[in-house]
Amino acid sequence: MEVRHYGQALLCAAIVLTGCDDEQAAAPDDEPALQDAVAYVGRWAAKPAWCAGGGEERVIMISPSRFEGYENVCEMEVSQEAEDEWSAQLECSGEGTRSSEQIRLQLENHEAMTLTWLDRDDAEVSLMRCPFDE
C-alpha cells in the first residue's frame, strides 16, 4: 500500500493520542503547533531518484524545528505566513562553519514544495515529497 498522505495520518494519530478534551493543548514555545508543522515536515528531494539517498544528491529532512541537508544541520525557527506558506530562520552548522539563512517554504498540494532561499537573491528550488516507505 502506498502511503502518500502520512502527514494527515500523523495528525489523526496525534488527535487520538491527545484525547477528547475541549481545550486544545498548547505547543511548547520552541515548537510550532502540530497542525502547522505537519504540512511541511518530511523528506524532500529535487529529483525522485534522490529519495533513495546516497552521495551529495540526497533528501532534505525537515522537522518542525530542524532542517537537515547534505553535510549540514540547521536549527529552524518557523512562522506561518499563509495557509500553505512558512518563513524560517535557519542557524546552520556543517563542515566546521556556522551560517544563518532565511527561507520560505510554499506547499503545492502537499506533495510538492517550492523552497526559496531569501538570502540568495530569492533562488528557488522545486522539491517533491519522498515516499514514506523508502
N, C-alpha and C. Protein backbone atom coordinates (compact mmCIF):
# COMPACT_ATOMS: atom_id res chain seq x y z
N MET A 1 0.84 -1.17 0.00
CA MET A 1 0.00 0.00 0.00
C MET A 1 0.89 1.24 0.00
N GLU A 2 0.63 2.16 -0.88
CA GLU A 2 1.42 3.37 -0.97
C GLU A 2 0.90 4.40 0.02
N VAL A 3 1.80 4.97 0.79
CA VAL A 3 1.42 5.97 1.77
C VAL A 3 1.79 7.33 1.22
N ARG A 4 0.79 8.08 0.82
CA ARG A 4 1.05 9.37 0.20
C ARG A 4 0.75 10.53 1.14
N HIS A 5 -0.10 10.31 2.09
CA HIS A 5 -0.50 11.41 2.95
C HIS A 5 -0.24 11.06 4.41
N TYR A 6 1.01 10.70 4.70
CA TYR A 6 1.33 10.29 6.05
C TYR A 6 1.22 11.45 7.03
N GLY A 7 1.34 12.66 6.55
CA GLY A 7 1.16 13.82 7.42
C GLY A 7 -0.24 13.85 8.00
N GLN A 8 -1.24 13.54 7.17
CA GLN A 8 -2.61 13.50 7.66
C GLN A 8 -2.78 12.37 8.66
N ALA A 9 -2.17 11.23 8.41
CA ALA A 9 -2.25 10.11 9.34
C ALA A 9 -1.60 10.48 10.67
N LEU A 10 -0.48 11.18 10.61
CA LEU A 10 0.20 11.62 11.82
C LEU A 10 -0.68 12.57 12.62
N LEU A 11 -1.34 13.49 11.93
CA LEU A 11 -2.23 14.42 12.60
C LEU A 11 -3.39 13.68 13.26
N CYS A 12 -3.97 12.71 12.56
CA CYS A 12 -5.07 11.92 13.13
C CYS A 12 -4.60 11.16 14.36
N ALA A 13 -3.43 10.57 14.28
CA ALA A 13 -2.89 9.83 15.43
C ALA A 13 -2.65 10.76 16.61
N ALA A 14 -2.16 11.96 16.33
CA ALA A 14 -1.91 12.92 17.40
C ALA A 14 -3.20 13.34 18.07
N ILE A 15 -4.24 13.53 17.28
CA ILE A 15 -5.53 13.91 17.84
C ILE A 15 -6.06 12.80 18.74
N VAL A 16 -5.95 11.55 18.29
CA VAL A 16 -6.41 10.42 19.09
C VAL A 16 -5.62 10.33 20.39
N LEU A 17 -4.30 10.51 20.30
CA LEU A 17 -3.45 10.37 21.49
C LEU A 17 -3.66 11.49 22.49
N THR A 18 -4.11 12.67 22.04
CA THR A 18 -4.29 13.78 22.97
C THR A 18 -5.61 13.72 23.70
N GLY A 19 -6.49 12.83 23.31
CA GLY A 19 -7.77 12.70 24.00
C GLY A 19 -8.82 13.60 23.43
N CYS A 20 -9.91 13.70 24.14
CA CYS A 20 -11.07 14.44 23.65
C CYS A 20 -11.36 15.65 24.51
N ASP A 21 -10.36 16.29 25.09
CA ASP A 21 -10.58 17.48 25.90
C ASP A 21 -11.11 18.60 25.04
N ASP A 22 -11.93 19.48 25.64
CA ASP A 22 -12.44 20.63 24.92
C ASP A 22 -11.36 21.66 24.69
N GLU A 23 -10.38 21.72 25.60
CA GLU A 23 -9.30 22.68 25.45
C GLU A 23 -8.19 22.07 24.62
N GLN A 24 -7.63 22.90 23.71
CA GLN A 24 -6.51 22.42 22.90
C GLN A 24 -5.23 22.56 23.71
N ALA A 25 -4.39 21.55 23.64
CA ALA A 25 -3.10 21.63 24.31
C ALA A 25 -2.20 22.56 23.51
N ALA A 26 -1.50 23.43 24.21
CA ALA A 26 -0.61 24.37 23.55
C ALA A 26 0.71 23.68 23.24
N ALA A 27 1.30 24.07 22.12
CA ALA A 27 2.61 23.55 21.76
C ALA A 27 3.67 24.26 22.60
N PRO A 28 4.79 23.61 22.87
CA PRO A 28 5.87 24.30 23.58
C PRO A 28 6.28 25.54 22.81
N ASP A 29 6.83 26.53 23.52
CA ASP A 29 7.21 27.79 22.88
C ASP A 29 8.18 27.62 21.74
N ASP A 30 9.03 26.58 21.79
CA ASP A 30 10.04 26.41 20.76
C ASP A 30 9.59 25.52 19.61
N GLU A 31 8.35 25.06 19.58
CA GLU A 31 7.84 24.22 18.51
C GLU A 31 6.55 24.83 17.96
N PRO A 32 6.39 24.86 16.61
CA PRO A 32 5.11 25.31 16.06
C PRO A 32 4.02 24.31 16.44
N ALA A 33 2.78 24.75 16.41
CA ALA A 33 1.67 23.86 16.69
C ALA A 33 1.68 22.72 15.69
N LEU A 34 1.24 21.53 16.12
CA LEU A 34 1.27 20.35 15.27
C LEU A 34 0.55 20.58 13.95
N GLN A 35 -0.60 21.23 13.98
CA GLN A 35 -1.34 21.41 12.74
C GLN A 35 -0.57 22.29 11.75
N ASP A 36 0.30 23.18 12.23
CA ASP A 36 1.12 23.99 11.33
C ASP A 36 2.32 23.21 10.82
N ALA A 37 2.86 22.33 11.65
CA ALA A 37 4.09 21.63 11.32
C ALA A 37 3.88 20.46 10.36
N VAL A 38 2.78 19.78 10.47
CA VAL A 38 2.59 18.55 9.71
C VAL A 38 2.76 18.77 8.21
N ALA A 39 2.29 19.85 7.70
CA ALA A 39 2.28 20.06 6.25
C ALA A 39 3.68 20.07 5.64
N TYR A 40 4.65 20.69 6.24
CA TYR A 40 5.97 20.78 5.63
C TYR A 40 6.96 19.75 6.16
N VAL A 41 6.62 19.05 7.20
CA VAL A 41 7.52 18.04 7.78
C VAL A 41 7.64 16.85 6.84
N GLY A 42 8.86 16.37 6.65
CA GLY A 42 9.04 15.17 5.83
C GLY A 42 10.39 15.13 5.15
N ARG A 43 10.48 14.22 4.20
CA ARG A 43 11.68 14.01 3.39
C ARG A 43 11.38 14.60 2.01
N TRP A 44 12.23 15.50 1.54
CA TRP A 44 12.01 16.22 0.30
C TRP A 44 13.24 16.09 -0.60
N ALA A 45 13.02 16.02 -1.92
CA ALA A 45 14.13 15.89 -2.86
C ALA A 45 13.82 16.65 -4.14
N ALA A 46 14.88 17.08 -4.83
CA ALA A 46 14.71 17.79 -6.09
C ALA A 46 14.40 16.83 -7.24
N LYS A 47 14.85 15.58 -7.12
CA LYS A 47 14.59 14.57 -8.15
C LYS A 47 14.17 13.28 -7.47
N PRO A 48 13.24 12.53 -8.07
CA PRO A 48 12.76 11.29 -7.45
C PRO A 48 13.88 10.31 -7.07
N ALA A 49 14.91 10.20 -7.89
CA ALA A 49 16.00 9.25 -7.61
C ALA A 49 16.74 9.60 -6.32
N TRP A 50 16.72 10.86 -5.93
CA TRP A 50 17.42 11.28 -4.72
C TRP A 50 16.77 10.73 -3.46
N CYS A 51 15.51 10.34 -3.53
CA CYS A 51 14.81 9.82 -2.35
C CYS A 51 15.47 8.56 -1.81
N ALA A 52 16.17 7.82 -2.68
CA ALA A 52 16.85 6.60 -2.25
C ALA A 52 18.09 6.90 -1.42
N GLY A 53 18.61 8.13 -1.50
CA GLY A 53 19.74 8.55 -0.68
C GLY A 53 21.08 8.24 -1.33
N GLY A 54 22.14 8.61 -0.61
CA GLY A 54 23.50 8.35 -1.05
C GLY A 54 24.09 9.54 -1.77
N GLY A 55 25.36 9.79 -1.52
CA GLY A 55 26.08 10.86 -2.20
C GLY A 55 25.57 12.24 -1.84
N GLU A 56 26.03 13.22 -2.60
CA GLU A 56 25.63 14.60 -2.36
C GLU A 56 24.17 14.82 -2.70
N GLU A 57 23.64 14.04 -3.60
CA GLU A 57 22.27 14.20 -4.06
C GLU A 57 21.36 13.35 -3.20
N ARG A 58 20.95 13.91 -2.09
CA ARG A 58 20.10 13.18 -1.16
C ARG A 58 18.99 14.08 -0.68
N VAL A 59 18.14 13.52 0.14
CA VAL A 59 16.95 14.23 0.60
C VAL A 59 17.29 15.34 1.59
N ILE A 60 16.37 16.26 1.70
CA ILE A 60 16.37 17.26 2.76
C ILE A 60 15.34 16.76 3.77
N MET A 61 15.75 16.67 5.01
CA MET A 61 14.85 16.24 6.09
C MET A 61 14.39 17.50 6.82
N ILE A 62 13.07 17.66 6.92
CA ILE A 62 12.53 18.83 7.60
C ILE A 62 11.61 18.35 8.72
N SER A 63 11.90 18.83 9.93
CA SER A 63 11.04 18.57 11.08
C SER A 63 10.47 19.93 11.51
N PRO A 64 9.66 19.99 12.54
CA PRO A 64 9.10 21.28 12.94
C PRO A 64 10.15 22.34 13.28
N SER A 65 11.33 21.91 13.74
CA SER A 65 12.33 22.89 14.15
C SER A 65 13.74 22.57 13.65
N ARG A 66 13.84 21.73 12.62
CA ARG A 66 15.16 21.31 12.13
C ARG A 66 15.12 21.11 10.62
N PHE A 67 16.21 21.49 9.95
CA PHE A 67 16.37 21.38 8.51
C PHE A 67 17.72 20.73 8.29
N GLU A 68 17.73 19.52 7.69
CA GLU A 68 18.98 18.79 7.50
C GLU A 68 19.21 18.52 6.03
N GLY A 69 20.36 18.96 5.54
CA GLY A 69 20.75 18.72 4.16
C GLY A 69 22.05 17.95 4.12
N TYR A 70 22.70 17.98 2.97
CA TYR A 70 23.97 17.28 2.79
C TYR A 70 25.05 17.99 3.60
N GLU A 71 25.62 17.31 4.57
CA GLU A 71 26.70 17.79 5.42
C GLU A 71 26.39 19.07 6.18
N ASN A 72 25.11 19.36 6.45
CA ASN A 72 24.79 20.49 7.30
C ASN A 72 23.51 20.20 8.08
N VAL A 73 23.41 20.82 9.22
CA VAL A 73 22.24 20.69 10.08
C VAL A 73 21.88 22.10 10.53
N CYS A 74 20.59 22.42 10.45
CA CYS A 74 20.14 23.75 10.82
C CYS A 74 19.02 23.67 11.85
N GLU A 75 19.14 24.48 12.87
CA GLU A 75 18.02 24.69 13.77
C GLU A 75 17.14 25.70 13.06
N MET A 76 15.84 25.52 13.15
CA MET A 76 14.92 26.30 12.33
C MET A 76 13.83 26.92 13.19
N GLU A 77 13.68 28.23 13.09
CA GLU A 77 12.59 28.94 13.76
C GLU A 77 11.59 29.35 12.69
N VAL A 78 10.37 28.83 12.77
CA VAL A 78 9.39 28.95 11.70
C VAL A 78 8.23 29.85 12.12
N SER A 79 7.73 30.61 11.14
CA SER A 79 6.48 31.34 11.34
C SER A 79 5.61 31.14 10.11
N GLN A 80 4.33 30.94 10.34
CA GLN A 80 3.41 30.71 9.22
C GLN A 80 2.99 32.04 8.63
N GLU A 81 3.10 32.16 7.30
CA GLU A 81 2.78 33.39 6.60
C GLU A 81 1.39 33.32 5.97
N ALA A 82 1.00 32.16 5.50
CA ALA A 82 -0.29 31.95 4.85
C ALA A 82 -0.65 30.48 5.04
N GLU A 83 -1.78 30.06 4.46
CA GLU A 83 -2.25 28.69 4.68
C GLU A 83 -1.20 27.64 4.35
N ASP A 84 -0.54 27.74 3.23
CA ASP A 84 0.48 26.76 2.83
C ASP A 84 1.83 27.42 2.61
N GLU A 85 2.15 28.42 3.44
CA GLU A 85 3.41 29.14 3.29
C GLU A 85 3.99 29.47 4.65
N TRP A 86 5.30 29.19 4.81
CA TRP A 86 6.01 29.46 6.05
C TRP A 86 7.32 30.16 5.72
N SER A 87 7.78 31.00 6.62
CA SER A 87 9.13 31.55 6.52
C SER A 87 9.91 31.01 7.71
N ALA A 88 11.21 30.89 7.53
CA ALA A 88 12.03 30.31 8.60
C ALA A 88 13.40 30.96 8.63
N GLN A 89 13.91 31.07 9.83
CA GLN A 89 15.28 31.50 10.06
C GLN A 89 16.08 30.24 10.39
N LEU A 90 17.13 29.99 9.63
CA LEU A 90 17.97 28.82 9.85
C LEU A 90 19.28 29.25 10.50
N GLU A 91 19.69 28.51 11.52
CA GLU A 91 21.00 28.66 12.15
C GLU A 91 21.72 27.34 11.90
N CYS A 92 22.68 27.36 10.98
CA CYS A 92 23.26 26.12 10.46
C CYS A 92 24.70 25.91 10.90
N SER A 93 25.07 24.63 10.94
CA SER A 93 26.47 24.26 11.15
C SER A 93 26.76 23.07 10.26
N GLY A 94 27.96 23.07 9.72
CA GLY A 94 28.38 21.97 8.86
C GLY A 94 29.77 22.23 8.33
N GLU A 95 30.52 21.17 8.20
CA GLU A 95 31.88 21.25 7.69
C GLU A 95 32.71 22.30 8.42
N GLY A 96 32.49 22.42 9.74
CA GLY A 96 33.28 23.32 10.57
C GLY A 96 32.89 24.78 10.49
N THR A 97 31.80 25.12 9.83
CA THR A 97 31.38 26.52 9.74
C THR A 97 29.96 26.69 10.26
N ARG A 98 29.63 27.92 10.60
CA ARG A 98 28.28 28.26 11.04
C ARG A 98 27.76 29.35 10.12
N SER A 99 26.45 29.32 9.86
CA SER A 99 25.84 30.34 8.99
C SER A 99 24.38 30.53 9.38
N SER A 100 23.84 31.64 8.93
CA SER A 100 22.42 31.96 9.12
C SER A 100 21.81 32.16 7.74
N GLU A 101 20.61 31.66 7.56
CA GLU A 101 19.90 31.78 6.28
C GLU A 101 18.44 32.02 6.57
N GLN A 102 17.76 32.64 5.62
CA GLN A 102 16.31 32.77 5.68
C GLN A 102 15.72 32.05 4.48
N ILE A 103 14.65 31.30 4.72
CA ILE A 103 13.99 30.56 3.64
C ILE A 103 12.48 30.78 3.70
N ARG A 104 11.84 30.45 2.58
CA ARG A 104 10.38 30.39 2.52
C ARG A 104 10.01 29.01 2.00
N LEU A 105 9.02 28.39 2.62
CA LEU A 105 8.51 27.09 2.19
C LEU A 105 7.08 27.31 1.71
N GLN A 106 6.81 26.95 0.44
CA GLN A 106 5.46 27.07 -0.11
C GLN A 106 5.03 25.71 -0.61
N LEU A 107 3.97 25.18 -0.01
CA LEU A 107 3.46 23.87 -0.41
C LEU A 107 2.50 24.01 -1.57
N GLU A 108 2.56 23.02 -2.44
CA GLU A 108 1.63 22.89 -3.56
C GLU A 108 1.07 21.48 -3.46
N ASN A 109 -0.16 21.34 -3.09
CA ASN A 109 -0.88 20.06 -2.96
C ASN A 109 -0.24 19.07 -1.98
N HIS A 110 0.55 19.52 -1.04
CA HIS A 110 1.19 18.70 0.00
C HIS A 110 2.16 17.65 -0.55
N GLU A 111 2.35 17.58 -1.83
CA GLU A 111 3.30 16.62 -2.42
C GLU A 111 4.46 17.34 -3.10
N ALA A 112 4.35 18.65 -3.26
CA ALA A 112 5.41 19.45 -3.89
C ALA A 112 5.62 20.71 -3.05
N MET A 113 6.85 21.21 -3.08
CA MET A 113 7.18 22.40 -2.31
C MET A 113 8.16 23.25 -3.11
N THR A 114 7.99 24.56 -3.01
CA THR A 114 8.99 25.48 -3.53
C THR A 114 9.75 26.03 -2.34
N LEU A 115 11.05 25.82 -2.33
CA LEU A 115 11.93 26.32 -1.29
C LEU A 115 12.64 27.54 -1.86
N THR A 116 12.46 28.69 -1.23
CA THR A 116 13.09 29.92 -1.69
C THR A 116 14.14 30.34 -0.68
N TRP A 117 15.36 30.54 -1.18
CA TRP A 117 16.48 30.98 -0.35
C TRP A 117 16.46 32.51 -0.38
N LEU A 118 15.92 33.13 0.65
CA LEU A 118 15.72 34.58 0.66
C LEU A 118 17.02 35.36 0.69
N ASP A 119 18.08 34.78 1.25
CA ASP A 119 19.38 35.46 1.31
C ASP A 119 20.25 35.15 0.10
N ARG A 120 19.71 34.45 -0.86
CA ARG A 120 20.46 34.09 -2.08
C ARG A 120 19.70 34.60 -3.31
N ASP A 121 19.35 35.86 -3.27
CA ASP A 121 18.62 36.51 -4.37
C ASP A 121 17.33 35.78 -4.72
N ASP A 122 16.65 35.26 -3.71
CA ASP A 122 15.37 34.55 -3.88
C ASP A 122 15.47 33.35 -4.83
N ALA A 123 16.61 32.67 -4.77
CA ALA A 123 16.78 31.45 -5.59
C ALA A 123 15.75 30.42 -5.15
N GLU A 124 15.10 29.79 -6.13
CA GLU A 124 14.06 28.81 -5.84
C GLU A 124 14.49 27.40 -6.23
N VAL A 125 14.05 26.44 -5.41
CA VAL A 125 14.29 25.03 -5.68
C VAL A 125 12.93 24.33 -5.59
N SER A 126 12.59 23.57 -6.61
CA SER A 126 11.36 22.78 -6.57
C SER A 126 11.66 21.42 -5.96
N LEU A 127 10.88 21.04 -4.96
CA LEU A 127 11.09 19.78 -4.26
C LEU A 127 9.82 18.93 -4.33
N MET A 128 10.01 17.63 -4.27
CA MET A 128 8.89 16.70 -4.20
C MET A 128 9.01 15.92 -2.89
N ARG A 129 7.87 15.54 -2.34
CA ARG A 129 7.88 14.76 -1.10
C ARG A 129 8.31 13.33 -1.45
N CYS A 130 9.25 12.81 -0.70
CA CYS A 130 9.68 11.43 -0.91
C CYS A 130 8.66 10.48 -0.31
N PRO A 131 8.47 9.34 -0.94
CA PRO A 131 7.54 8.34 -0.37
C PRO A 131 7.98 7.94 1.02
N PHE A 132 7.02 7.62 1.86
CA PHE A 132 7.27 7.28 3.24
C PHE A 132 8.07 6.00 3.40
N ASP A 133 7.89 5.05 2.50
CA ASP A 133 8.48 3.72 2.68
C ASP A 133 9.87 3.57 2.09
N GLU A 134 10.55 4.64 1.70
CA GLU A 134 11.90 4.48 1.14
C GLU A 134 12.92 4.73 2.22
